[in-house]
Amino acid sequence: FFFFFFFFFFFFFFFFFFFFFFFFFKT
């Protein structure tokens, strides 16, 4: 369970970072 939570958190963070980077680059 803990591992799954960690994985989900990591994925979410990665997605957020990618979105932010894309937005910044597009601007």
PDB file of N, CA and C in Angstrom:
ATOM      1  N   PHE A   1       0.842  -1.195   0.000  1.00  0.00           N
ATOM      2  CA  PHE A   1       0.000   0.000   0.000  1.00  0.00           C
ATOM      3  C   PHE A   1       0.890   1.263   0.000  1.00  0.00           C
ATOM      4  N   PHE A   2       1.864   1.253   0.848  1.00  0.00           N
ATOM      5  CA  PHE A   2       2.760   2.393   0.939  1.00  0.00           C
ATOM      6  C   PHE A   2       3.482   2.603  -0.400  1.00  0.00           C
ATOM      7  N   PHE A   3       3.890   1.502  -0.978  1.00  0.00           N
ATOM      8  CA  PHE A   3       4.614   1.576  -2.243  1.00  0.00           C
ATOM      9  C   PHE A   3       3.710   2.191  -3.324  1.00  0.00           C
ATOM     10  N   PHE A   4       2.482   1.781  -3.327  1.00  0.00           N
ATOM     11  CA  PHE A   4       1.531   2.290  -4.316  1.00  0.00           C
ATOM     12  C   PHE A   4       1.327   3.797  -4.127  1.00  0.00           C
ATOM     13  N   PHE A   5       1.209   4.196  -2.895  1.00  0.00           N
ATOM     14  CA  PHE A   5       1.016   5.603  -2.583  1.00  0.00           C
ATOM     15  C   PHE A   5       2.221   6.417  -3.054  1.00  0.00           C
ATOM     16  N   PHE A   6       3.389   5.887  -2.803  1.00  0.00           N
ATOM     17  CA  PHE A   6       4.613   6.563  -3.181  1.00  0.00           C
ATOM     18  C   PHE A   6       4.691   6.697  -4.703  1.00  0.00           C
ATOM     19  N   PHE A   7       4.318   5.639  -5.376  1.00  0.00           N
ATOM     20  CA  PHE A   7       4.360   5.630  -6.826  1.00  0.00           C
ATOM     21  C   PHE A   7       3.375   6.662  -7.391  1.00  0.00           C
ATOM     22  N   PHE A   8       2.220   6.701  -6.812  1.00  0.00           N
ATOM     23  CA  PHE A   8       1.197   7.643  -7.256  1.00  0.00           C
ATOM     24  C   PHE A   8       1.670   9.090  -7.043  1.00  0.00           C
ATOM     25  N   PHE A   9       2.258   9.325  -5.896  1.00  0.00           N
ATOM     26  CA  PHE A   9       2.745  10.655  -5.573  1.00  0.00           C
ATOM     27  C   PHE A   9       3.842  11.063  -6.556  1.00  0.00           C
ATOM     28  N   PHE A  10       4.722  10.145  -6.863  1.00  0.00           N
ATOM     29  CA  PHE A  10       5.823  10.408  -7.775  1.00  0.00           C
ATOM     30  C   PHE A  10       5.277  10.727  -9.169  1.00  0.00           C
ATOM     31  N   PHE A  11       4.301   9.960  -9.583  1.00  0.00           N
ATOM     32  CA  PHE A  11       3.708  10.153 -10.899  1.00  0.00           C
ATOM     33  C   PHE A  11       3.025  11.525 -10.981  1.00  0.00           C
ATOM     34  N   PHE A  12       2.331  11.861  -9.930  1.00  0.00           N
ATOM     35  CA  PHE A  12       1.632  13.137  -9.890  1.00  0.00           C
ATOM     36  C   PHE A  12       2.642  14.298  -9.956  1.00  0.00           C
ATOM     37  N   PHE A  13       3.702  14.171  -9.214  1.00  0.00           N
ATOM     38  CA  PHE A  13       4.731  15.199  -9.184  1.00  0.00           C
ATOM     39  C   PHE A  13       5.369  15.355 -10.566  1.00  0.00           C
ATOM     40  N   PHE A  14       5.627  14.234 -11.182  1.00  0.00           N
ATOM     41  CA  PHE A  14       6.256  14.245 -12.492  1.00  0.00           C
ATOM     42  C   PHE A  14       5.323  14.915 -13.519  1.00  0.00           C
ATOM     43  N   PHE A  15       4.065  14.567 -13.428  1.00  0.00           N
ATOM     44  CA  PHE A  15       3.090  15.130 -14.350  1.00  0.00           C
ATOM     45  C   PHE A  15       2.984  16.652 -14.157  1.00  0.00           C
ATOM     46  N   PHE A  16       2.959  17.077 -12.927  1.00  0.00           N
ATOM     47  CA  PHE A  16       2.861  18.498 -12.611  1.00  0.00           C
ATOM     48  C   PHE A  16       4.095  19.243 -13.148  1.00  0.00           C
ATOM     49  N   PHE A  17       5.247  18.641 -12.947  1.00  0.00           N
ATOM     50  CA  PHE A  17       6.487  19.256 -13.391  1.00  0.00           C
ATOM     51  C   PHE A  17       6.499  19.382 -14.918  1.00  0.00           C
ATOM     52  N   PHE A  18       6.049  18.327 -15.557  1.00  0.00           N
ATOM     53  CA  PHE A  18       6.032  18.318 -17.012  1.00  0.00           C
ATOM     54  C   PHE A  18       5.062  19.388 -17.537  1.00  0.00           C
ATOM     55  N   PHE A  19       3.921  19.487 -16.927  1.00  0.00           N
ATOM     56  CA  PHE A  19       2.924  20.474 -17.339  1.00  0.00           C
ATOM     57  C   PHE A  19       3.458  21.901 -17.147  1.00  0.00           C
ATOM     58  N   PHE A  20       4.101  22.114 -16.021  1.00  0.00           N
ATOM     59  CA  PHE A  20       4.654  23.431 -15.714  1.00  0.00           C
ATOM     60  C   PHE A  20       5.735  23.790 -16.742  1.00  0.00           C
ATOM     61  N   PHE A  21       6.575  22.827 -17.039  1.00  0.00           N
ATOM     62  CA  PHE A  21       7.662  23.054 -17.985  1.00  0.00           C
ATOM     63  C   PHE A  21       7.087  23.374 -19.369  1.00  0.00           C
ATOM     64  N   PHE A  22       6.091  22.634 -19.757  1.00  0.00           N
ATOM     65  CA  PHE A  22       5.476  22.837 -21.064  1.00  0.00           C
ATOM     66  C   PHE A  22       4.833  24.236 -21.144  1.00  0.00           C
ATOM     67  N   PHE A  23       4.152  24.591 -20.090  1.00  0.00           N
ATOM     68  CA  PHE A  23       3.492  25.893 -20.053  1.00  0.00           C
ATOM     69  C   PHE A  23       4.534  27.025 -20.127  1.00  0.00           C
ATOM     70  N   PHE A  24       5.603  26.853 -19.382  1.00  0.00           N
ATOM     71  CA  PHE A  24       6.646  27.868 -19.354  1.00  0.00           C
ATOM     72  C   PHE A  24       7.300  27.988 -20.738  1.00  0.00           C
ATOM     73  N   PHE A  25       7.523  26.858 -21.348  1.00  0.00           N
ATOM     74  CA  PHE A  25       8.173  26.843 -22.654  1.00  0.00           C
ATOM     75  C   PHE A  25       7.241  27.450 -23.719  1.00  0.00           C
ATOM     76  N   LYS A  26       5.999  27.192 -23.594  1.00  0.00           N
ATOM     77  CA  LYS A  26       5.029  27.692 -24.563  1.00  0.00           C
ATOM     78  C   LYS A  26       4.886  29.212 -24.436  1.00  0.00           C
ATOM     79  N   THR A  27       4.938  29.700 -23.245  1.00  0.00           N
ATOM     80  CA  THR A  27       4.798  31.141 -23.028  1.00  0.00           C
ATOM     81  C   THR A  27       5.916  31.920 -23.699  1.00  0.00           C
TER      82      THR A  27
END
